[in-house]
């Protein structure tokens, strides 16, 4: 994070302020958000997940789920870009299927 802060300042793009003090642990004002990650988990096998690799709900021909709920695990960052990529991938798949 320190390197990113230095580079942002060098490029004149902004300033990064770190609030975590290694001696005291997490700051009291850390805000947590809720993403329903893993609630409709993706798996090729219905016993291990709700949707298949194309985000289609197992056993239901015309129901698809595109969101962080299909991720098998959560990462350390926000899932927004992966959700967008997943939605674009699903749209391309559906377009191919409808031809």
PDB file of N, CA and C in Angstrom:
ATOM      1  N   UNK A   1       0.818  -1.183   0.000  1.00  0.00           N
ATOM      2  CA  UNK A   1       0.000   0.000   0.000  1.00  0.00           C
ATOM      3  C   UNK A   1       0.867   1.254   0.000  1.00  0.00           C
ATOM      4  N   UNK A   2       1.995   1.180   0.709  1.00  0.00           N
ATOM      5  CA  UNK A   2       2.880   2.347   0.742  1.00  0.00           C
ATOM      6  C   UNK A   2       3.420   2.657  -0.651  1.00  0.00           C
ATOM      7  N   UNK A   3       3.778   1.631  -1.408  1.00  0.00           N
ATOM      8  CA  UNK A   3       4.302   1.826  -2.771  1.00  0.00           C
ATOM      9  C   UNK A   3       3.222   2.433  -3.661  1.00  0.00           C
ATOM     10  N   UNK A   4       1.997   1.954  -3.535  1.00  0.00           N
ATOM     11  CA  UNK A   4       0.903   2.513  -4.322  1.00  0.00           C
ATOM     12  C   UNK A   4       0.705   3.984  -3.974  1.00  0.00           C
ATOM     13  N   UNK A   5       0.749   4.311  -2.674  1.00  0.00           N
ATOM     14  CA  UNK A   5       0.616   5.695  -2.244  1.00  0.00           C
ATOM     15  C   UNK A   5       1.698   6.589  -2.816  1.00  0.00           C
ATOM     16  N   UNK A   6       2.922   6.110  -2.811  1.00  0.00           N
ATOM     17  CA  UNK A   6       4.052   6.866  -3.369  1.00  0.00           C
ATOM     18  C   UNK A   6       3.841   7.111  -4.856  1.00  0.00           C
ATOM     19  N   UNK A   7       3.421   6.084  -5.576  1.00  0.00           N
ATOM     20  CA  UNK A   7       3.228   6.205  -7.027  1.00  0.00           C
ATOM     21  C   UNK A   7       2.046   7.107  -7.375  1.00  0.00           C
ATOM     22  N   UNK A   8       0.983   7.040  -6.606  1.00  0.00           N
ATOM     23  CA  UNK A   8      -0.146   7.946  -6.835  1.00  0.00           C
ATOM     24  C   UNK A   8       0.283   9.400  -6.678  1.00  0.00           C
ATOM     25  N   UNK A   9       1.048   9.668  -5.626  1.00  0.00           N
ATOM     26  CA  UNK A   9       1.524  11.032  -5.388  1.00  0.00           C
ATOM     27  C   UNK A   9       2.487  11.472  -6.486  1.00  0.00           C
ATOM     28  N   UNK A  10       3.385  10.564  -6.886  1.00  0.00           N
ATOM     29  CA  UNK A  10       4.365  10.887  -7.924  1.00  0.00           C
ATOM     30  C   UNK A  10       3.676  11.238  -9.228  1.00  0.00           C
ATOM     31  N   UNK A  11       2.608  10.515  -9.557  1.00  0.00           N
ATOM     32  CA  UNK A  11       1.885  10.753 -10.801  1.00  0.00           C
ATOM     33  C   UNK A  11       0.896  11.912 -10.688  1.00  0.00           C
ATOM     34  N   UNK A  12       0.761  12.467  -9.494  1.00  0.00           N
ATOM     35  CA  UNK A  12      -0.173  13.569  -9.293  1.00  0.00           C
ATOM     36  C   UNK A  12      -1.628  13.143  -9.347  1.00  0.00           C
ATOM     37  N   UNK A  13      -1.902  11.871  -9.049  1.00  0.00           N
ATOM     38  CA  UNK A  13      -3.269  11.342  -9.145  1.00  0.00           C
ATOM     39  C   UNK A  13      -4.030  11.366  -7.830  1.00  0.00           C
ATOM     40  N   UNK A  14      -3.331  11.628  -6.751  1.00  0.00           N
ATOM     41  CA  UNK A  14      -4.030  11.651  -5.474  1.00  0.00           C
ATOM     42  C   UNK A  14      -3.117  11.312  -4.333  1.00  0.00           C
ATOM     43  N   UNK A  15      -3.731  11.129  -3.178  1.00  0.00           N
ATOM     44  CA  UNK A  15      -2.993  10.854  -1.957  1.00  0.00           C
ATOM     45  C   UNK A  15      -3.649   9.672  -1.259  1.00  0.00           C
ATOM     46  N   UNK A  16      -2.849   8.766  -0.757  1.00  0.00           N
ATOM     47  CA  UNK A  16      -3.348   7.593  -0.062  1.00  0.00           C
ATOM     48  C   UNK A  16      -3.033   7.744   1.419  1.00  0.00           C
ATOM     49  N   UNK A  17      -4.064   7.615   2.257  1.00  0.00           N
ATOM     50  CA  UNK A  17      -3.867   7.713   3.690  1.00  0.00           C
ATOM     51  C   UNK A  17      -4.160   6.351   4.307  1.00  0.00           C
ATOM     52  N   UNK A  18      -3.161   5.762   4.929  1.00  0.00           N
ATOM     53  CA  UNK A  18      -3.326   4.466   5.588  1.00  0.00           C
ATOM     54  C   UNK A  18      -3.777   4.703   7.023  1.00  0.00           C
ATOM     55  N   UNK A  19      -4.821   3.990   7.451  1.00  0.00           N
ATOM     56  CA  UNK A  19      -5.350   4.175   8.793  1.00  0.00           C
ATOM     57  C   UNK A  19      -5.012   3.019   9.728  1.00  0.00           C
ATOM     58  N   UNK A  20      -4.390   1.977   9.234  1.00  0.00           N
ATOM     59  CA  UNK A  20      -4.108   0.819  10.075  1.00  0.00           C
ATOM     60  C   UNK A  20      -2.759   0.998  10.752  1.00  0.00           C
ATOM     61  N   UNK A  21      -2.775   0.959  12.074  1.00  0.00           N
ATOM     62  CA  UNK A  21      -1.565   1.021  12.881  1.00  0.00           C
ATOM     63  C   UNK A  21      -1.261  -0.419  13.299  1.00  0.00           C
ATOM     64  N   UNK A  22      -0.119  -0.939  12.864  1.00  0.00           N
ATOM     65  CA  UNK A  22       0.200  -2.345  13.122  1.00  0.00           C
ATOM     66  C   UNK A  22       0.172  -2.709  14.605  1.00  0.00           C
ATOM     67  N   UNK A  23       0.428  -1.759  15.491  1.00  0.00           N
ATOM     68  CA  UNK A  23       0.479  -2.072  16.917  1.00  0.00           C
ATOM     69  C   UNK A  23      -0.910  -2.180  17.546  1.00  0.00           C
ATOM     70  N   UNK A  24      -1.913  -1.547  16.952  1.00  0.00           N
ATOM     71  CA  UNK A  24      -3.234  -1.548  17.582  1.00  0.00           C
ATOM     72  C   UNK A  24      -4.252  -2.438  16.884  1.00  0.00           C
ATOM     73  N   UNK A  25      -3.916  -3.056  15.786  1.00  0.00           N
ATOM     74  CA  UNK A  25      -4.870  -3.914  15.078  1.00  0.00           C
ATOM     75  C   UNK A  25      -5.767  -3.107  14.162  1.00  0.00           C
ATOM     76  N   UNK A  26      -6.964  -3.615  13.890  1.00  0.00           N
ATOM     77  CA  UNK A  26      -7.890  -2.954  12.984  1.00  0.00           C
ATOM     78  C   UNK A  26      -8.429  -1.673  13.603  1.00  0.00           C
ATOM     79  N   UNK A  27      -8.601  -0.634  12.774  1.00  0.00           N
ATOM     80  CA  UNK A  27      -9.200   0.603  13.293  1.00  0.00           C
ATOM     81  C   UNK A  27     -10.676   0.395  13.618  1.00  0.00           C
ATOM     82  N   UNK A  28     -11.185   1.190  14.551  1.00  0.00           N
ATOM     83  CA  UNK A  28     -12.574   1.024  14.983  1.00  0.00           C
ATOM     84  C   UNK A  28     -13.575   1.436  13.911  1.00  0.00           C
ATOM     85  N   UNK A  29     -13.143   2.238  12.910  1.00  0.00           N
ATOM     86  CA  UNK A  29     -14.092   2.726  11.905  1.00  0.00           C
ATOM     87  C   UNK A  29     -14.094   1.914  10.617  1.00  0.00           C
ATOM     88  N   UNK A  30     -13.554   0.703  10.675  1.00  0.00           N
ATOM     89  CA  UNK A  30     -13.585  -0.151   9.479  1.00  0.00           C
ATOM     90  C   UNK A  30     -15.033  -0.504   9.194  1.00  0.00           C
ATOM     91  N   UNK A  31     -15.466  -0.234   7.964  1.00  0.00           N
ATOM     92  CA  UNK A  31     -16.838  -0.548   7.588  1.00  0.00           C
ATOM     93  C   UNK A  31     -16.888  -1.862   6.829  1.00  0.00           C
ATOM     94  N   UNK A  32     -17.727  -2.745   7.246  1.00  0.00           N
ATOM     95  CA  UNK A  32     -17.870  -4.036   6.570  1.00  0.00           C
ATOM     96  C   UNK A  32     -19.122  -3.994   5.706  1.00  0.00           C
ATOM     97  N   UNK A  33     -19.037  -4.630   4.567  1.00  0.00           N
ATOM     98  CA  UNK A  33     -20.179  -4.701   3.674  1.00  0.00           C
ATOM     99  C   UNK A  33     -20.591  -6.155   3.520  1.00  0.00           C
ATOM    100  N   UNK A  34     -21.779  -6.359   3.062  1.00  0.00           N
ATOM    101  CA  UNK A  34     -22.291  -7.721   2.926  1.00  0.00           C
ATOM    102  C   UNK A  34     -22.513  -8.046   1.458  1.00  0.00           C
ATOM    103  N   UNK A  35     -21.863  -9.078   1.011  1.00  0.00           N
ATOM    104  CA  UNK A  35     -22.099  -9.639  -0.314  1.00  0.00           C
ATOM    105  C   UNK A  35     -22.529 -11.086  -0.072  1.00  0.00           C
ATOM    106  N   UNK A  36     -23.546 -11.500  -0.744  1.00  0.00           N
ATOM    107  CA  UNK A  36     -24.065 -12.850  -0.542  1.00  0.00           C
ATOM    108  C   UNK A  36     -23.244 -13.849  -1.352  1.00  0.00           C
ATOM    109  N   UNK A  37     -21.980 -13.917  -1.035  1.00  0.00           N
ATOM    110  CA  UNK A  37     -21.042 -14.773  -1.761  1.00  0.00           C
ATOM    111  C   UNK A  37     -21.234 -16.212  -1.317  1.00  0.00           C
ATOM    112  N   UNK A  38     -21.390 -17.094  -2.301  1.00  0.00           N
ATOM    113  CA  UNK A  38     -21.488 -18.517  -2.027  1.00  0.00           C
ATOM    114  C   UNK A  38     -22.875 -19.038  -1.722  1.00  0.00           C
ATOM    115  N   UNK A  39     -23.901 -18.203  -1.774  1.00  0.00           N
ATOM    116  CA  UNK A  39     -25.244 -18.673  -1.424  1.00  0.00           C
ATOM    117  C   UNK A  39     -25.911 -19.463  -2.542  1.00  0.00           C
ATOM    118  N   UNK A  40     -25.450 -19.303  -3.787  1.00  0.00           N
ATOM    119  CA  UNK A  40     -25.906 -20.142  -4.914  1.00  0.00           C
ATOM    120  C   UNK A  40     -24.665 -20.654  -5.630  1.00  0.00           C
ATOM    121  N   UNK A  41     -23.825 -21.304  -4.899  1.00  0.00           N
ATOM    122  CA  UNK A  41     -22.497 -21.757  -5.313  1.00  0.00           C
ATOM    123  C   UNK A  41     -22.483 -22.455  -6.677  1.00  0.00           C
ATOM    124  N   UNK A  42     -21.419 -22.176  -7.457  1.00  0.00           N
ATOM    125  CA  UNK A  42     -21.251 -22.763  -8.784  1.00  0.00           C
ATOM    126  C   UNK A  42     -20.506 -24.095  -8.693  1.00  0.00           C
ATOM    127  N   UNK A  43     -21.049 -25.105  -9.346  1.00  0.00           N
ATOM    128  CA  UNK A  43     -20.406 -26.412  -9.437  1.00  0.00           C
ATOM    129  C   UNK A  43     -21.040 -27.182 -10.592  1.00  0.00           C
ATOM    130  N   UNK A  44     -20.252 -28.028 -11.223  1.00  0.00           N
ATOM    131  CA  UNK A  44     -20.810 -28.874 -12.283  1.00  0.00           C
ATOM    132  C   UNK A  44     -21.717 -29.961 -11.713  1.00  0.00           C
ATOM    133  N   UNK A  45     -21.608 -30.219 -10.422  1.00  0.00           N
ATOM    134  CA  UNK A  45     -22.381 -31.284  -9.787  1.00  0.00           C
ATOM    135  C   UNK A  45     -23.451 -30.693  -8.865  1.00  0.00           C
ATOM    136  N   UNK A  46     -24.710 -31.022  -9.083  1.00  0.00           N
ATOM    137  CA  UNK A  46     -25.803 -30.473  -8.270  1.00  0.00           C
ATOM    138  C   UNK A  46     -25.643 -30.711  -6.768  1.00  0.00           C
ATOM    139  N   UNK A  47     -24.971 -31.770  -6.394  1.00  0.00           N
ATOM    140  CA  UNK A  47     -24.785 -32.045  -4.968  1.00  0.00           C
ATOM    141  C   UNK A  47     -23.812 -31.063  -4.318  1.00  0.00           C
ATOM    142  N   UNK A  48     -23.010 -30.375  -5.142  1.00  0.00           N
ATOM    143  CA  UNK A  48     -22.002 -29.470  -4.596  1.00  0.00           C
ATOM    144  C   UNK A  48     -22.267 -28.002  -4.908  1.00  0.00           C
ATOM    145  N   UNK A  49     -23.320 -27.715  -5.665  1.00  0.00           N
ATOM    146  CA  UNK A  49     -23.612 -26.333  -5.993  1.00  0.00           C
ATOM    147  C   UNK A  49     -25.014 -26.153  -6.524  1.00  0.00           C
ATOM    148  N   UNK A  50     -25.410 -24.896  -6.654  1.00  0.00           N
ATOM    149  CA  UNK A  50     -26.763 -24.557  -7.113  1.00  0.00           C
ATOM    150  C   UNK A  50     -26.803 -24.323  -8.620  1.00  0.00           C
ATOM    151  N   UNK A  51     -25.722 -23.712  -9.171  1.00  0.00           N
ATOM    152  CA  UNK A  51     -25.671 -23.424 -10.608  1.00  0.00           C
ATOM    153  C   UNK A  51     -24.494 -24.149 -11.258  1.00  0.00           C
ATOM    154  N   UNK A  52     -24.614 -24.376 -12.568  1.00  0.00           N
ATOM    155  CA  UNK A  52     -23.516 -24.998 -13.303  1.00  0.00           C
ATOM    156  C   UNK A  52     -22.543 -23.930 -13.806  1.00  0.00           C
ATOM    157  N   UNK A  53     -21.560 -24.317 -14.600  1.00  0.00           N
ATOM    158  CA  UNK A  53     -20.526 -23.393 -15.083  1.00  0.00           C
ATOM    159  C   UNK A  53     -21.066 -22.269 -15.957  1.00  0.00           C
ATOM    160  N   UNK A  54     -22.307 -22.416 -16.437  1.00  0.00           N
ATOM    161  CA  UNK A  54     -22.942 -21.368 -17.241  1.00  0.00           C
ATOM    162  C   UNK A  54     -23.954 -20.571 -16.409  1.00  0.00           C
ATOM    163  N   UNK A  55     -23.891 -20.714 -15.104  1.00  0.00           N
ATOM    164  CA  UNK A  55     -24.760 -20.001 -14.161  1.00  0.00           C
ATOM    165  C   UNK A  55     -26.221 -20.433 -14.244  1.00  0.00           C
ATOM    166  N   UNK A  56     -26.478 -21.568 -14.862  1.00  0.00           N
ATOM    167  CA  UNK A  56     -27.844 -22.099 -14.950  1.00  0.00           C
ATOM    168  C   UNK A  56     -28.137 -22.913 -13.702  1.00  0.00           C
ATOM    169  N   UNK A  57     -29.276 -22.660 -13.081  1.00  0.00           N
ATOM    170  CA  UNK A  57     -29.672 -23.404 -11.891  1.00  0.00           C
ATOM    171  C   UNK A  57     -29.881 -24.857 -12.291  1.00  0.00           C
ATOM    172  N   UNK A  58     -29.263 -25.757 -11.545  1.00  0.00           N
ATOM    173  CA  UNK A  58     -29.397 -27.193 -11.829  1.00  0.00           C
ATOM    174  C   UNK A  58     -30.868 -27.600 -11.817  1.00  0.00           C
ATOM    175  N   UNK A  59     -31.283 -28.262 -12.867  1.00  0.00           N
ATOM    176  CA  UNK A  59     -32.640 -28.787 -12.944  1.00  0.00           C
ATOM    177  C   UNK A  59     -33.687 -27.813 -13.452  1.00  0.00           C
ATOM    178  N   UNK A  60     -33.294 -26.570 -13.707  1.00  0.00           N
ATOM    179  CA  UNK A  60     -34.248 -25.588 -14.231  1.00  0.00           C
ATOM    180  C   UNK A  60     -33.658 -25.009 -15.515  1.00  0.00           C
ATOM    181  N   UNK A  61     -34.283 -25.319 -16.631  1.00  0.00           N
ATOM    182  CA  UNK A  61     -33.729 -25.002 -17.943  1.00  0.00           C
ATOM    183  C   UNK A  61     -33.539 -23.515 -18.206  1.00  0.00           C
ATOM    184  N   UNK A  62     -34.422 -22.670 -17.726  1.00  0.00           N
ATOM    185  CA  UNK A  62     -34.374 -21.258 -18.116  1.00  0.00           C
ATOM    186  C   UNK A  62     -34.167 -20.297 -16.938  1.00  0.00           C
ATOM    187  N   UNK A  63     -33.465 -20.738 -15.894  1.00  0.00           N
ATOM    188  CA  UNK A  63     -33.176 -19.871 -14.749  1.00  0.00           C
ATOM    189  C   UNK A  63     -31.670 -19.765 -14.559  1.00  0.00           C
ATOM    190  N   UNK A  64     -31.164 -18.535 -14.627  1.00  0.00           N
ATOM    191  CA  UNK A  64     -29.729 -18.269 -14.505  1.00  0.00           C
ATOM    192  C   UNK A  64     -29.500 -17.276 -13.371  1.00  0.00           C
ATOM    193  N   UNK A  65     -28.360 -17.376 -12.738  1.00  0.00           N
ATOM    194  CA  UNK A  65     -27.975 -16.464 -11.664  1.00  0.00           C
ATOM    195  C   UNK A  65     -26.603 -15.895 -12.000  1.00  0.00           C
ATOM    196  N   UNK A  66     -26.498 -14.578 -12.044  1.00  0.00           N
ATOM    197  CA  UNK A  66     -25.204 -13.934 -12.294  1.00  0.00           C
ATOM    198  C   UNK A  66     -24.953 -12.945 -11.166  1.00  0.00           C
ATOM    199  N   UNK A  67     -24.101 -13.292 -10.273  1.00  0.00           N
ATOM    200  CA  UNK A  67     -23.770 -12.427  -9.152  1.00  0.00           C
ATOM    201  C   UNK A  67     -22.743 -13.103  -8.271  1.00  0.00           C
ATOM    202  N   UNK A  68     -22.321 -12.417  -7.232  1.00  0.00           N
ATOM    203  CA  UNK A  68     -21.291 -12.977  -6.361  1.00  0.00           C
ATOM    204  C   UNK A  68     -21.787 -14.188  -5.581  1.00  0.00           C
ATOM    205  N   UNK A  69     -23.083 -14.425  -5.589  1.00  0.00           N
ATOM    206  CA  UNK A  69     -23.599 -15.592  -4.868  1.00  0.00           C
ATOM    207  C   UNK A  69     -23.126 -16.903  -5.493  1.00  0.00           C
ATOM    208  N   UNK A  70     -22.700 -16.888  -6.750  1.00  0.00           N
ATOM    209  CA  UNK A  70     -22.235 -18.123  -7.386  1.00  0.00           C
ATOM    210  C   UNK A  70     -20.751 -18.390  -7.125  1.00  0.00           C
ATOM    211  N   UNK A  71     -20.045 -17.432  -6.526  1.00  0.00           N
ATOM    212  CA  UNK A  71     -18.622 -17.632  -6.243  1.00  0.00           C
ATOM    213  C   UNK A  71     -18.467 -18.703  -5.162  1.00  0.00           C
ATOM    214  N   UNK A  72     -17.510 -19.611  -5.327  1.00  0.00           N
ATOM    215  CA  UNK A  72     -17.317 -20.642  -4.309  1.00  0.00           C
ATOM    216  C   UNK A  72     -16.703 -20.112  -3.015  1.00  0.00           C
ATOM    217  N   UNK A  73     -15.928 -19.026  -3.104  1.00  0.00           N
ATOM    218  CA  UNK A  73     -15.321 -18.426  -1.923  1.00  0.00           C
ATOM    219  C   UNK A  73     -15.232 -16.916  -2.116  1.00  0.00           C
ATOM    220  N   UNK A  74     -14.989 -16.206  -1.034  1.00  0.00           N
ATOM    221  CA  UNK A  74     -14.829 -14.754  -1.092  1.00  0.00           C
ATOM    222  C   UNK A  74     -13.346 -14.406  -1.112  1.00  0.00           C
ATOM    223  N   UNK A  75     -13.022 -13.298  -1.790  1.00  0.00           N
ATOM    224  CA  UNK A  75     -11.651 -12.817  -1.791  1.00  0.00           C
ATOM    225  C   UNK A  75     -11.502 -11.663  -0.821  1.00  0.00           C
ATOM    226  N   UNK A  76     -10.375 -10.988  -0.901  1.00  0.00           N
ATOM    227  CA  UNK A  76     -10.132  -9.891   0.034  1.00  0.00           C
ATOM    228  C   UNK A  76     -10.599  -8.546  -0.503  1.00  0.00           C
ATOM    229  N   UNK A  77     -10.926  -8.483  -1.785  1.00  0.00           N
ATOM    230  CA  UNK A  77     -11.373  -7.232  -2.387  1.00  0.00           C
ATOM    231  C   UNK A  77     -12.847  -7.272  -2.724  1.00  0.00           C
ATOM    232  N   UNK A  78     -13.333  -6.154  -3.222  1.00  0.00           N
ATOM    233  CA  UNK A  78     -14.739  -6.115  -3.616  1.00  0.00           C
ATOM    234  C   UNK A  78     -14.953  -6.967  -4.870  1.00  0.00           C
ATOM    235  N   UNK A  79     -16.092  -7.619  -4.981  1.00  0.00           N
ATOM    236  CA  UNK A  79     -16.323  -8.534  -6.093  1.00  0.00           C
ATOM    237  C   UNK A  79     -16.913  -7.881  -7.341  1.00  0.00           C
ATOM    238  N   UNK A  80     -17.004  -6.559  -7.375  1.00  0.00           N
ATOM    239  CA  UNK A  80     -17.728  -5.873  -8.444  1.00  0.00           C
ATOM    240  C   UNK A  80     -17.230  -6.236  -9.843  1.00  0.00           C
ATOM    241  N   UNK A  81     -15.925  -6.174 -10.063  1.00  0.00           N
ATOM    242  CA  UNK A  81     -15.398  -6.450 -11.405  1.00  0.00           C
ATOM    243  C   UNK A  81     -15.627  -7.904 -11.815  1.00  0.00           C
ATOM    244  N   UNK A  82     -15.520  -8.826 -10.880  1.00  0.00           N
ATOM    245  CA  UNK A  82     -15.777 -10.229 -11.199  1.00  0.00           C
ATOM    246  C   UNK A  82     -17.253 -10.458 -11.490  1.00  0.00           C
ATOM    247  N   UNK A  83     -18.128  -9.738 -10.803  1.00  0.00           N
ATOM    248  CA  UNK A  83     -19.561  -9.846 -11.079  1.00  0.00           C
ATOM    249  C   UNK A  83     -19.850  -9.354 -12.495  1.00  0.00           C
ATOM    250  N   UNK A  84     -19.239  -8.234 -12.867  1.00  0.00           N
ATOM    251  CA  UNK A  84     -19.424  -7.712 -14.229  1.00  0.00           C
ATOM    252  C   UNK A  84     -18.904  -8.693 -15.270  1.00  0.00           C
ATOM    253  N   UNK A  85     -17.723  -9.246 -15.031  1.00  0.00           N
ATOM    254  CA  UNK A  85     -17.157 -10.222 -15.971  1.00  0.00           C
ATOM    255  C   UNK A  85     -18.067 -11.439 -16.093  1.00  0.00           C
ATOM    256  N   UNK A  86     -18.589 -11.896 -14.973  1.00  0.00           N
ATOM    257  CA  UNK A  86     -19.493 -13.047 -14.978  1.00  0.00           C
ATOM    258  C   UNK A  86     -20.767 -12.733 -15.758  1.00  0.00           C
ATOM    259  N   UNK A  87     -21.325 -11.542 -15.575  1.00  0.00           N
ATOM    260  CA  UNK A  87     -22.547 -11.147 -16.281  1.00  0.00           C
ATOM    261  C   UNK A  87     -22.307 -11.049 -17.786  1.00  0.00           C
ATOM    262  N   UNK A  88     -21.159 -10.500 -18.163  1.00  0.00           N
ATOM    263  CA  UNK A  88     -20.812 -10.408 -19.593  1.00  0.00           C
ATOM    264  C   UNK A  88     -20.634 -11.796 -20.187  1.00  0.00           C
ATOM    265  N   UNK A  89     -19.976 -12.669 -19.437  1.00  0.00           N
ATOM    266  CA  UNK A  89     -19.775 -14.056 -19.898  1.00  0.00           C
ATOM    267  C   UNK A  89     -21.119 -14.762 -20.054  1.00  0.00           C
ATOM    268  N   UNK A  90     -22.018 -14.582 -19.096  1.00  0.00           N
ATOM    269  CA  UNK A  90     -23.340 -15.199 -19.177  1.00  0.00           C
ATOM    270  C   UNK A  90     -24.126 -14.639 -20.358  1.00  0.00           C
ATOM    271  N   UNK A  91     -24.060 -13.321 -20.588  1.00  0.00           N
ATOM    272  CA  UNK A  91     -24.765 -12.727 -21.717  1.00  0.00           C
ATOM    273  C   UNK A  91     -24.276 -13.300 -23.042  1.00  0.00           C
ATOM    274  N   UNK A  92     -22.965 -13.483 -23.166  1.00  0.00           N
ATOM    275  CA  UNK A  92     -22.407 -14.071 -24.395  1.00  0.00           C
ATOM    276  C   UNK A  92     -22.883 -15.510 -24.564  1.00  0.00           C
ATOM    277  N   UNK A  93     -22.923 -16.262 -23.465  1.00  0.00           N
ATOM    278  CA  UNK A  93     -23.399 -17.644 -23.520  1.00  0.00           C
ATOM    279  C   UNK A  93     -24.869 -17.696 -23.954  1.00  0.00           C
ATOM    280  N   UNK A  94     -25.702 -16.845 -23.365  1.00  0.00           N
ATOM    281  CA  UNK A  94     -27.124 -16.843 -23.713  1.00  0.00           C
ATOM    282  C   UNK A  94     -27.332 -16.421 -25.158  1.00  0.00           C
ATOM    283  N   UNK A  95     -26.545 -15.468 -25.626  1.00  0.00           N
ATOM    284  CA  UNK A  95     -26.641 -15.026 -27.019  1.00  0.00           C
ATOM    285  C   UNK A  95     -26.329 -16.188 -27.964  1.00  0.00           C
ATOM    286  N   UNK A  96     -25.284 -16.964 -27.629  1.00  0.00           N
ATOM    287  CA  UNK A  96     -24.947 -18.138 -28.459  1.00  0.00           C
ATOM    288  C   UNK A  96     -26.068 -19.164 -28.439  1.00  0.00           C
ATOM    289  N   UNK A  97     -26.675 -19.378 -27.270  1.00  0.00           N
ATOM    290  CA  UNK A  97     -27.738 -20.357 -27.136  1.00  0.00           C
ATOM    291  C   UNK A  97     -28.992 -19.964 -27.907  1.00  0.00           C
ATOM    292  N   UNK A  98     -29.251 -18.667 -28.025  1.00  0.00           N
ATOM    293  CA  UNK A  98     -30.473 -18.185 -28.681  1.00  0.00           C
ATOM    294  C   UNK A  98     -30.354 -18.086 -30.192  1.00  0.00           C
ATOM    295  N   UNK A  99     -29.191 -18.297 -30.723  1.00  0.00           N
ATOM    296  CA  UNK A  99     -29.020 -18.249 -32.183  1.00  0.00           C
ATOM    297  C   UNK A  99     -29.593 -19.437 -32.862  1.00  0.00           C
TER     298      UNK A  99
END
